[in-house]
Amino acid sequence: MEPRIGHKEDNVARSVALVERAAAGGAALVVLPELTNTGYVFESRAEAFALAEAVPSGPTTQAWMEVARRCNIHIVAGIAERDGDRLYNAAVVVGPGGWLGTYRKLHLWGDEHLFFEAGDKGLPLFHTPWGRLGVVICYDGWFPEVYRLLAMQGADVVAMPTNWVPMPGQPPGSPAMANTLAMASAHSNALNIVCANRTGTERGQPFIGQSLIVDAHGWPLAGPAAESGEDLVLTAQIDLKATRQARQLNAFNHVLRDRRDDVYDPMLGTGWPLPRH
């Protein structure tokens, strides 16, 4: 979709309509773009602060909670979150039973540093009836550590609300770097990655579209979508049994068990306990 900067009510209404379409098509999980409710290119922190909302009490999260309950689905959607005097580029996770939690973007891109605090909630894992869900946002996908830590926690699916922009030096006709990174990260961690990008140009900044759903082997299940246009619902069926089997590459090699934890910390220095599955 193409959020319009500052048009929160319209953006949320259009997102709800798209969620309803996806649910009518049988979706169990719907992923919406980064900063779906506000738009992305803020002119000032004051503008970002005025558009941001508390989570989950704000009207945007409440609207997504209502449609998730009504359609019996889970939603991951990007939002500008206000927490006291602090602002976060965040994603809410809601389901039929209400708000499950919030992910705050760890790695800020460009002018986001002028408006937002870096995420302070780590990489939470959300448990759903159909599997274990992780969340990243846009530039987080350039850091292999985030996917590895989610995989080590047992994630099956990673939702990525994103606002991908053109990357300098991309040869004409080559795949978007963001898509290449998503495919590589999915393969090397045996994760399904669901990337929902926006389209259009906002205050001079173009966005590249090309939303993508990648399976745990690293191959596209759906997309990349078109670079332009909006109100597209991209869908795919994810096999969670095959996902967990995908980490066994062959009779000898398992993409997580083959890690050399005698050489490097298996949890990358986080101090998090090594999970048991």
C-alpha atoms as a PDB file:
ATOM      1  CA  MET A   1       0.000   0.000   0.000  1.00  0.00           C
ATOM      2  CA  GLU A   2       0.986   3.657  -0.150  1.00  0.00           C
ATOM      3  CA  PRO A   3       0.464   5.421   3.181  1.00  0.00           C
ATOM      4  CA  ARG A   4       0.033   9.190   2.931  1.00  0.00           C
ATOM      5  CA  ILE A   5       2.088  11.222   5.373  1.00  0.00           C
ATOM      6  CA  GLY A   6      -0.078  12.525   8.203  1.00  0.00           C
ATOM      7  CA  HIS A   7      -3.353  10.988   6.949  1.00  0.00           C
ATOM      8  CA  LYS A   8      -3.669   8.534   9.812  1.00  0.00           C
ATOM      9  CA  GLU A   9      -7.386   7.828   9.721  1.00  0.00           C
ATOM     10  CA  ASP A  10      -7.348   7.163   5.978  1.00  0.00           C
ATOM     11  CA  ASN A  11      -4.185   5.054   6.192  1.00  0.00           C
ATOM     12  CA  VAL A  12      -5.646   2.908   8.961  1.00  0.00           C
ATOM     13  CA  ALA A  13      -8.986   2.523   7.189  1.00  0.00           C
ATOM     14  CA  ARG A  14      -7.242   1.363   4.014  1.00  0.00           C
ATOM     15  CA  SER A  15      -5.039  -1.026   5.987  1.00  0.00           C
ATOM     16  CA  VAL A  16      -8.117  -2.530   7.663  1.00  0.00           C
ATOM     17  CA  ALA A  17      -9.740  -3.048   4.263  1.00  0.00           C
ATOM     18  CA  LEU A  18      -6.604  -4.846   3.039  1.00  0.00           C
ATOM     19  CA  VAL A  19      -6.535  -7.003   6.167  1.00  0.00           C
ATOM     20  CA  GLU A  20     -10.146  -7.952   5.531  1.00  0.00           C
ATOM     21  CA  ARG A  21      -9.308  -8.924   1.951  1.00  0.00           C
ATOM     22  CA  ALA A  22      -6.414 -11.079   3.089  1.00  0.00           C
ATOM     23  CA  ALA A  23      -8.532 -12.743   5.758  1.00  0.00           C
ATOM     24  CA  ALA A  24     -11.282 -13.439   3.232  1.00  0.00           C
ATOM     25  CA  GLY A  25      -8.646 -15.231   1.166  1.00  0.00           C
ATOM     26  CA  GLY A  26      -7.751 -17.487   4.099  1.00  0.00           C
ATOM     27  CA  ALA A  27      -4.774 -15.639   5.618  1.00  0.00           C
ATOM     28  CA  ALA A  28      -3.799 -16.495   9.192  1.00  0.00           C
ATOM     29  CA  LEU A  29      -1.092 -13.790   9.405  1.00  0.00           C
ATOM     30  CA  VAL A  30      -1.170 -10.380   7.738  1.00  0.00           C
ATOM     31  CA  VAL A  31       1.913  -8.144   7.588  1.00  0.00           C
ATOM     32  CA  LEU A  32       1.579  -4.427   6.829  1.00  0.00           C
ATOM     33  CA  PRO A  33       4.372  -1.951   5.945  1.00  0.00           C
ATOM     34  CA  GLU A  34       6.601   0.080   8.223  1.00  0.00           C
ATOM     35  CA  LEU A  35       4.909   3.172   9.721  1.00  0.00           C
ATOM     36  CA  THR A  36       1.654   2.147   8.053  1.00  0.00           C
ATOM     37  CA  ASN A  37      -0.487   4.593   9.991  1.00  0.00           C
ATOM     38  CA  THR A  38       1.603   7.779   9.693  1.00  0.00           C
ATOM     39  CA  GLY A  39       3.720   7.681   6.571  1.00  0.00           C
ATOM     40  CA  TYR A  40       7.511   7.746   6.712  1.00  0.00           C
ATOM     41  CA  VAL A  41       9.165  11.050   5.735  1.00  0.00           C
ATOM     42  CA  PHE A  42       8.651  13.345   8.726  1.00  0.00           C
ATOM     43  CA  GLU A  43       9.677  16.984   8.446  1.00  0.00           C
ATOM     44  CA  SER A  44      10.516  17.282  12.136  1.00  0.00           C
ATOM     45  CA  ARG A  45      10.456  15.414  15.407  1.00  0.00           C
ATOM     46  CA  ALA A  46       7.517  17.571  16.400  1.00  0.00           C
ATOM     47  CA  GLU A  47       5.538  16.235  13.453  1.00  0.00           C
ATOM     48  CA  ALA A  48       6.521  12.658  14.280  1.00  0.00           C
ATOM     49  CA  PHE A  49       5.594  13.179  17.934  1.00  0.00           C
ATOM     50  CA  ALA A  50       2.181  14.626  17.029  1.00  0.00           C
ATOM     51  CA  LEU A  51       1.407  11.632  14.796  1.00  0.00           C
ATOM     52  CA  ALA A  52       2.734   8.961  17.168  1.00  0.00           C
ATOM     53  CA  GLU A  53       0.454   7.033  19.540  1.00  0.00           C
ATOM     54  CA  ALA A  54       0.637   5.034  22.706  1.00  0.00           C
ATOM     55  CA  VAL A  55       0.528   1.257  22.268  1.00  0.00           C
ATOM     56  CA  PRO A  56      -1.792  -0.570  22.715  1.00  0.00           C
ATOM     57  CA  SER A  57      -4.200   2.125  23.944  1.00  0.00           C
ATOM     58  CA  GLY A  58      -3.983   4.339  20.840  1.00  0.00           C
ATOM     59  CA  PRO A  59      -6.679   4.308  18.166  1.00  0.00           C
ATOM     60  CA  THR A  60      -4.542   2.630  15.506  1.00  0.00           C
ATOM     61  CA  THR A  61      -3.649  -0.417  17.585  1.00  0.00           C
ATOM     62  CA  GLN A  62      -7.248  -0.582  18.771  1.00  0.00           C
ATOM     63  CA  ALA A  63      -8.477  -0.633  15.147  1.00  0.00           C
ATOM     64  CA  TRP A  64      -6.061  -3.431  14.244  1.00  0.00           C
ATOM     65  CA  MET A  65      -7.037  -5.374  17.364  1.00  0.00           C
ATOM     66  CA  GLU A  66     -10.702  -5.114  16.397  1.00  0.00           C
ATOM     67  CA  VAL A  67     -10.188  -6.418  12.853  1.00  0.00           C
ATOM     68  CA  ALA A  68      -7.882  -9.186  14.121  1.00  0.00           C
ATOM     69  CA  ARG A  69     -10.578 -10.306  16.547  1.00  0.00           C
ATOM     70  CA  ARG A  70     -13.348 -10.050  13.972  1.00  0.00           C
ATOM     71  CA  CYS A  71     -11.387 -11.901  11.268  1.00  0.00           C
ATOM     72  CA  ASN A  72      -9.682 -14.363  13.662  1.00  0.00           C
ATOM     73  CA  ILE A  73      -6.183 -13.571  12.398  1.00  0.00           C
ATOM     74  CA  HIS A  74      -2.817 -12.202  13.536  1.00  0.00           C
ATOM     75  CA  ILE A  75      -1.477  -8.874  12.278  1.00  0.00           C
ATOM     76  CA  VAL A  76       2.007  -7.352  12.364  1.00  0.00           C
ATOM     77  CA  ALA A  77       1.937  -3.670  11.432  1.00  0.00           C
ATOM     78  CA  GLY A  78       4.340  -0.749  11.554  1.00  0.00           C
ATOM     79  CA  ILE A  79       3.455   2.193  13.775  1.00  0.00           C
ATOM     80  CA  ALA A  80       5.017   5.332  15.239  1.00  0.00           C
ATOM     81  CA  GLU A  81       4.928   4.584  18.969  1.00  0.00           C
ATOM     82  CA  ARG A  82       4.963   7.239  21.679  1.00  0.00           C
ATOM     83  CA  ASP A  83       6.143   6.168  25.138  1.00  0.00           C
ATOM     84  CA  GLY A  84       6.230   9.211  27.368  1.00  0.00           C
ATOM     85  CA  ASP A  85       8.631  11.632  25.674  1.00  0.00           C
ATOM     86  CA  ARG A  86      10.282   8.876  23.643  1.00  0.00           C
ATOM     87  CA  LEU A  87       9.404   7.839  20.086  1.00  0.00           C
ATOM     88  CA  TYR A  88       9.973   4.449  18.481  1.00  0.00           C
ATOM     89  CA  ASN A  89       9.675   3.087  14.970  1.00  0.00           C
ATOM     90  CA  ALA A  90       7.730   0.042  16.089  1.00  0.00           C
ATOM     91  CA  ALA A  91       5.561  -2.850  14.985  1.00  0.00           C
ATOM     92  CA  VAL A  92       2.572  -4.077  16.935  1.00  0.00           C
ATOM     93  CA  VAL A  93       1.602  -7.738  17.022  1.00  0.00           C
ATOM     94  CA  VAL A  94      -2.103  -8.369  17.570  1.00  0.00           C
ATOM     95  CA  GLY A  95      -4.290 -11.449  17.336  1.00  0.00           C
ATOM     96  CA  PRO A  96      -7.827 -12.636  17.948  1.00  0.00           C
ATOM     97  CA  GLY A  97      -7.271 -12.277  21.693  1.00  0.00           C
ATOM     98  CA  GLY A  98      -5.857  -8.750  21.504  1.00  0.00           C
ATOM     99  CA  TRP A  99      -2.385  -7.206  21.739  1.00  0.00           C
ATOM    100  CA  LEU A 100       0.466  -9.727  21.977  1.00  0.00           C
ATOM    101  CA  GLY A 101       3.305  -7.204  22.186  1.00  0.00           C
ATOM    102  CA  THR A 102       5.460  -4.679  20.386  1.00  0.00           C
ATOM    103  CA  TYR A 103       8.785  -4.823  18.572  1.00  0.00           C
ATOM    104  CA  ARG A 104      10.889  -1.645  18.427  1.00  0.00           C
ATOM    105  CA  LYS A 105      13.270  -1.233  15.496  1.00  0.00           C
ATOM    106  CA  LEU A 106      16.836  -1.883  16.605  1.00  0.00           C
ATOM    107  CA  HIS A 107      18.725  -0.403  13.643  1.00  0.00           C
ATOM    108  CA  LEU A 108      17.647   3.087  12.576  1.00  0.00           C
ATOM    109  CA  TRP A 109      18.092   4.252   8.989  1.00  0.00           C
ATOM    110  CA  GLY A 110      19.021   7.755   7.835  1.00  0.00           C
ATOM    111  CA  ASP A 111      16.890  10.553   9.229  1.00  0.00           C
ATOM    112  CA  GLU A 112      15.133   8.130  11.573  1.00  0.00           C
ATOM    113  CA  HIS A 113      17.962   9.042  13.951  1.00  0.00           C
ATOM    114  CA  LEU A 114      16.442  12.540  14.173  1.00  0.00           C
ATOM    115  CA  PHE A 115      13.041  11.300  15.297  1.00  0.00           C
ATOM    116  CA  PHE A 116      13.261   7.914  17.006  1.00  0.00           C
ATOM    117  CA  GLU A 117      15.078   6.167  19.815  1.00  0.00           C
ATOM    118  CA  ALA A 118      16.791   2.881  18.962  1.00  0.00           C
ATOM    119  CA  GLY A 119      14.745  -0.129  20.026  1.00  0.00           C
ATOM    120  CA  ASP A 120      15.105  -1.253  23.638  1.00  0.00           C
ATOM    121  CA  LYS A 121      13.056  -4.463  23.705  1.00  0.00           C
ATOM    122  CA  GLY A 122      15.540  -6.786  22.019  1.00  0.00           C
ATOM    123  CA  LEU A 123      14.120  -9.481  19.724  1.00  0.00           C
ATOM    124  CA  PRO A 124      10.976 -10.847  21.351  1.00  0.00           C
ATOM    125  CA  LEU A 125       9.357 -14.052  20.141  1.00  0.00           C
ATOM    126  CA  PHE A 126       5.566 -14.220  19.916  1.00  0.00           C
ATOM    127  CA  HIS A 127       3.849 -17.576  20.362  1.00  0.00           C
ATOM    128  CA  THR A 128       0.746 -18.179  18.247  1.00  0.00           C
ATOM    129  CA  PRO A 129      -1.471 -21.230  17.681  1.00  0.00           C
ATOM    130  CA  TRP A 130       0.192 -21.807  14.307  1.00  0.00           C
ATOM    131  CA  GLY A 131       3.844 -21.234  15.231  1.00  0.00           C
ATOM    132  CA  ARG A 132       6.536 -18.970  16.665  1.00  0.00           C
ATOM    133  CA  LEU A 133       6.717 -15.457  15.235  1.00  0.00           C
ATOM    134  CA  GLY A 134       9.583 -12.968  15.184  1.00  0.00           C
ATOM    135  CA  VAL A 135       9.561  -9.385  13.904  1.00  0.00           C
ATOM    136  CA  VAL A 136      12.151  -7.136  12.286  1.00  0.00           C
ATOM    137  CA  ILE A 137      11.738  -3.772  10.551  1.00  0.00           C
ATOM    138  CA  CYS A 138      13.398  -2.742   7.271  1.00  0.00           C
ATOM    139  CA  TYR A 139      17.103  -1.936   7.924  1.00  0.00           C
ATOM    140  CA  ASP A 140      17.218  -4.622  10.628  1.00  0.00           C
ATOM    141  CA  GLY A 141      17.345  -7.045   7.695  1.00  0.00           C
ATOM    142  CA  TRP A 142      20.880  -5.882   6.851  1.00  0.00           C
ATOM    143  CA  PHE A 143      22.145  -7.464  10.089  1.00  0.00           C
ATOM    144  CA  PRO A 144      22.466 -11.260  10.056  1.00  0.00           C
ATOM    145  CA  GLU A 145      22.595 -11.281  13.861  1.00  0.00           C
ATOM    146  CA  VAL A 146      18.890 -10.501  14.177  1.00  0.00           C
ATOM    147  CA  TYR A 147      17.827 -13.490  12.104  1.00  0.00           C
ATOM    148  CA  ARG A 148      20.276 -15.801  13.837  1.00  0.00           C
ATOM    149  CA  LEU A 149      19.033 -14.799  17.290  1.00  0.00           C
ATOM    150  CA  LEU A 150      15.409 -15.271  16.218  1.00  0.00           C
ATOM    151  CA  ALA A 151      16.248 -18.676  14.723  1.00  0.00           C
ATOM    152  CA  MET A 152      18.068 -19.677  17.904  1.00  0.00           C
ATOM    153  CA  GLN A 153      14.930 -18.809  19.865  1.00  0.00           C
ATOM    154  CA  GLY A 154      12.955 -21.143  17.619  1.00  0.00           C
ATOM    155  CA  ALA A 155      11.192 -18.706  15.298  1.00  0.00           C
ATOM    156  CA  ASP A 156       9.289 -20.235  12.397  1.00  0.00           C
ATOM    157  CA  VAL A 157       8.198 -17.031  10.656  1.00  0.00           C
ATOM    158  CA  VAL A 158       9.736 -13.552  10.683  1.00  0.00           C
ATOM    159  CA  ALA A 159       7.458 -10.651   9.747  1.00  0.00           C
ATOM    160  CA  MET A 160       9.160  -7.602   8.248  1.00  0.00           C
ATOM    161  CA  PRO A 161       7.192  -4.378   7.931  1.00  0.00           C
ATOM    162  CA  THR A 162       9.453  -2.291   5.716  1.00  0.00           C
ATOM    163  CA  ASN A 163       9.891   0.905   3.709  1.00  0.00           C
ATOM    164  CA  TRP A 164      12.642  -0.146   1.305  1.00  0.00           C
ATOM    165  CA  VAL A 165      14.212   2.623  -0.780  1.00  0.00           C
ATOM    166  CA  PRO A 166      16.463   2.384  -3.864  1.00  0.00           C
ATOM    167  CA  MET A 167      20.034   1.356  -3.071  1.00  0.00           C
ATOM    168  CA  PRO A 168      22.934   3.210  -4.749  1.00  0.00           C
ATOM    169  CA  GLY A 169      24.753   1.418  -7.530  1.00  0.00           C
ATOM    170  CA  GLN A 170      22.144  -1.270  -8.229  1.00  0.00           C
ATOM    171  CA  PRO A 171      22.653  -2.519 -11.799  1.00  0.00           C
ATOM    172  CA  PRO A 172      19.525  -2.287 -13.976  1.00  0.00           C
ATOM    173  CA  GLY A 173      17.522  -5.496 -13.979  1.00  0.00           C
ATOM    174  CA  SER A 174      19.164  -6.969 -10.884  1.00  0.00           C
ATOM    175  CA  PRO A 175      17.074  -8.116  -7.901  1.00  0.00           C
ATOM    176  CA  ALA A 176      16.568  -5.607  -5.126  1.00  0.00           C
ATOM    177  CA  MET A 177      19.311  -5.920  -2.510  1.00  0.00           C
ATOM    178  CA  ALA A 178      16.606  -6.161   0.166  1.00  0.00           C
ATOM    179  CA  ASN A 179      15.111  -9.213  -1.532  1.00  0.00           C
ATOM    180  CA  THR A 180      18.532 -10.828  -1.928  1.00  0.00           C
ATOM    181  CA  LEU A 181      19.251 -10.310   1.770  1.00  0.00           C
ATOM    182  CA  ALA A 182      15.870 -11.741   2.779  1.00  0.00           C
ATOM    183  CA  MET A 183      16.411 -14.847   0.656  1.00  0.00           C
ATOM    184  CA  ALA A 184      19.932 -15.376   1.992  1.00  0.00           C
ATOM    185  CA  SER A 185      18.851 -14.877   5.604  1.00  0.00           C
ATOM    186  CA  ALA A 186      15.910 -17.245   5.190  1.00  0.00           C
ATOM    187  CA  HIS A 187      18.186 -19.932   3.749  1.00  0.00           C
ATOM    188  CA  SER A 188      20.990 -19.615   6.284  1.00  0.00           C
ATOM    189  CA  ASN A 189      18.579 -19.743   9.243  1.00  0.00           C
ATOM    190  CA  ALA A 190      15.705 -21.854   7.838  1.00  0.00           C
ATOM    191  CA  LEU A 191      13.169 -19.102   8.466  1.00  0.00           C
ATOM    192  CA  ASN A 192      10.123 -17.993   6.515  1.00  0.00           C
ATOM    193  CA  ILE A 193      10.384 -14.221   6.028  1.00  0.00           C
ATOM    194  CA  VAL A 194       7.360 -12.117   5.101  1.00  0.00           C
ATOM    195  CA  CYS A 195       8.397  -8.683   3.783  1.00  0.00           C
ATOM    196  CA  ALA A 196       5.666  -6.045   3.323  1.00  0.00           C
ATOM    197  CA  ASN A 197       6.942  -2.890   1.628  1.00  0.00           C
ATOM    198  CA  ARG A 198       5.174   0.337   0.727  1.00  0.00           C
ATOM    199  CA  THR A 199       5.071   1.998  -2.693  1.00  0.00           C
ATOM    200  CA  GLY A 200       4.960   5.545  -4.038  1.00  0.00           C
ATOM    201  CA  THR A 201       7.005   8.690  -3.476  1.00  0.00           C
ATOM    202  CA  GLU A 202       6.676  10.752  -0.300  1.00  0.00           C
ATOM    203  CA  ARG A 203       8.198  14.224   0.004  1.00  0.00           C
ATOM    204  CA  GLY A 204      10.640  13.338  -2.750  1.00  0.00           C
ATOM    205  CA  GLN A 205      11.627   9.914  -1.351  1.00  0.00           C
ATOM    206  CA  PRO A 206      10.730   7.000  -3.663  1.00  0.00           C
ATOM    207  CA  PHE A 207       9.983   3.515  -2.320  1.00  0.00           C
ATOM    208  CA  ILE A 208      10.573   0.347  -4.322  1.00  0.00           C
ATOM    209  CA  GLY A 209       7.627  -1.931  -3.524  1.00  0.00           C
ATOM    210  CA  GLN A 210       8.647  -5.522  -4.377  1.00  0.00           C
ATOM    211  CA  SER A 211       7.104  -7.129  -1.289  1.00  0.00           C
ATOM    212  CA  LEU A 212       8.175 -10.730  -0.926  1.00  0.00           C
ATOM    213  CA  ILE A 213       7.337 -13.930   0.965  1.00  0.00           C
ATOM    214  CA  VAL A 214      10.311 -16.305   1.272  1.00  0.00           C
ATOM    215  CA  ASP A 215      10.242 -19.908   2.455  1.00  0.00           C
ATOM    216  CA  ALA A 216      12.648 -21.544   4.889  1.00  0.00           C
ATOM    217  CA  HIS A 217      14.860 -22.756   2.026  1.00  0.00           C
ATOM    218  CA  GLY A 218      15.316 -19.169   0.853  1.00  0.00           C
ATOM    219  CA  TRP A 219      13.138 -19.341  -2.248  1.00  0.00           C
ATOM    220  CA  PRO A 220      10.274 -16.944  -3.013  1.00  0.00           C
ATOM    221  CA  LEU A 221       6.811 -18.312  -2.281  1.00  0.00           C
ATOM    222  CA  ALA A 222       5.161 -15.130  -3.563  1.00  0.00           C
ATOM    223  CA  GLY A 223       6.541 -12.003  -5.197  1.00  0.00           C
ATOM    224  CA  PRO A 224       8.523  -9.924  -5.581  1.00  0.00           C
ATOM    225  CA  ALA A 225       5.483  -7.736  -6.163  1.00  0.00           C
ATOM    226  CA  ALA A 226       5.474  -4.792  -8.544  1.00  0.00           C
ATOM    227  CA  GLU A 227       7.516  -1.687  -7.814  1.00  0.00           C
ATOM    228  CA  SER A 228       4.486   0.606  -8.047  1.00  0.00           C
ATOM    229  CA  GLY A 229       0.748   0.525  -7.455  1.00  0.00           C
ATOM    230  CA  GLU A 230      -1.050  -0.169  -4.219  1.00  0.00           C
ATOM    231  CA  ASP A 231      -3.762  -2.191  -2.500  1.00  0.00           C
ATOM    232  CA  LEU A 232      -2.072  -5.447  -3.468  1.00  0.00           C
ATOM    233  CA  VAL A 233      -2.523  -8.486  -1.243  1.00  0.00           C
ATOM    234  CA  LEU A 234       0.346 -10.956  -1.693  1.00  0.00           C
ATOM    235  CA  THR A 235      -0.360 -14.386  -0.216  1.00  0.00           C
ATOM    236  CA  ALA A 236       1.429 -17.703   0.235  1.00  0.00           C
ATOM    237  CA  GLN A 237       1.002 -20.908   2.187  1.00  0.00           C
ATOM    238  CA  ILE A 238       3.743 -21.713   4.697  1.00  0.00           C
ATOM    239  CA  ASP A 239       4.482 -25.302   5.743  1.00  0.00           C
ATOM    240  CA  LEU A 240       5.709 -25.150   9.334  1.00  0.00           C
ATOM    241  CA  LYS A 241       6.642 -28.846   9.445  1.00  0.00           C
ATOM    242  CA  ALA A 242       8.834 -28.367   6.382  1.00  0.00           C
ATOM    243  CA  THR A 243      10.245 -25.203   7.958  1.00  0.00           C
ATOM    244  CA  ARG A 244      11.578 -27.041  10.982  1.00  0.00           C
ATOM    245  CA  GLN A 245      12.908 -29.850   8.771  1.00  0.00           C
ATOM    246  CA  ALA A 246      14.668 -27.337   6.511  1.00  0.00           C
ATOM    247  CA  ARG A 247      17.407 -26.758   9.064  1.00  0.00           C
ATOM    248  CA  GLN A 248      18.647 -30.297   8.312  1.00  0.00           C
ATOM    249  CA  LEU A 249      20.371 -29.590   4.981  1.00  0.00           C
ATOM    250  CA  ASN A 250      21.502 -33.181   4.423  1.00  0.00           C
ATOM    251  CA  ALA A 251      22.519 -36.275   6.382  1.00  0.00           C
ATOM    252  CA  PHE A 252      25.530 -34.459   7.845  1.00  0.00           C
ATOM    253  CA  ASN A 253      24.649 -30.771   8.034  1.00  0.00           C
ATOM    254  CA  HIS A 254      22.225 -28.821  10.202  1.00  0.00           C
ATOM    255  CA  VAL A 255      22.306 -25.063   9.728  1.00  0.00           C
ATOM    256  CA  LEU A 256      22.050 -24.296  13.463  1.00  0.00           C
ATOM    257  CA  ARG A 257      23.730 -27.306  15.062  1.00  0.00           C
ATOM    258  CA  ASP A 258      26.832 -26.874  12.871  1.00  0.00           C
ATOM    259  CA  ARG A 259      27.650 -23.547  14.497  1.00  0.00           C
ATOM    260  CA  ARG A 260      31.166 -23.508  15.983  1.00  0.00           C
ATOM    261  CA  ASP A 261      30.326 -22.410  19.503  1.00  0.00           C
ATOM    262  CA  ASP A 262      33.912 -23.176  20.481  1.00  0.00           C
ATOM    263  CA  VAL A 263      34.870 -20.231  18.262  1.00  0.00           C
ATOM    264  CA  TYR A 264      31.995 -17.787  18.797  1.00  0.00           C
ATOM    265  CA  ASP A 265      29.221 -17.282  21.326  1.00  0.00           C
ATOM    266  CA  PRO A 266      26.102 -19.132  20.139  1.00  0.00           C
ATOM    267  CA  MET A 267      23.861 -16.321  21.433  1.00  0.00           C
ATOM    268  CA  LEU A 268      26.171 -13.582  20.102  1.00  0.00           C
ATOM    269  CA  GLY A 269      27.050 -12.156  23.488  1.00  0.00           C
ATOM    270  CA  THR A 270      23.487 -11.292  24.443  1.00  0.00           C
ATOM    271  CA  GLY A 271      23.608 -13.302  27.635  1.00  0.00           C
ATOM    272  CA  TRP A 272      20.311 -14.889  26.652  1.00  0.00           C
ATOM    273  CA  PRO A 273      20.051 -18.562  27.675  1.00  0.00           C
ATOM    274  CA  LEU A 274      20.545 -21.156  24.969  1.00  0.00           C
ATOM    275  CA  PRO A 275      17.002 -22.261  24.102  1.00  0.00           C
ATOM    276  CA  ARG A 276      15.713 -25.816  24.297  1.00  0.00           C
ATOM    277  CA  HIS A 277      13.169 -26.928  21.719  1.00  0.00           C
END
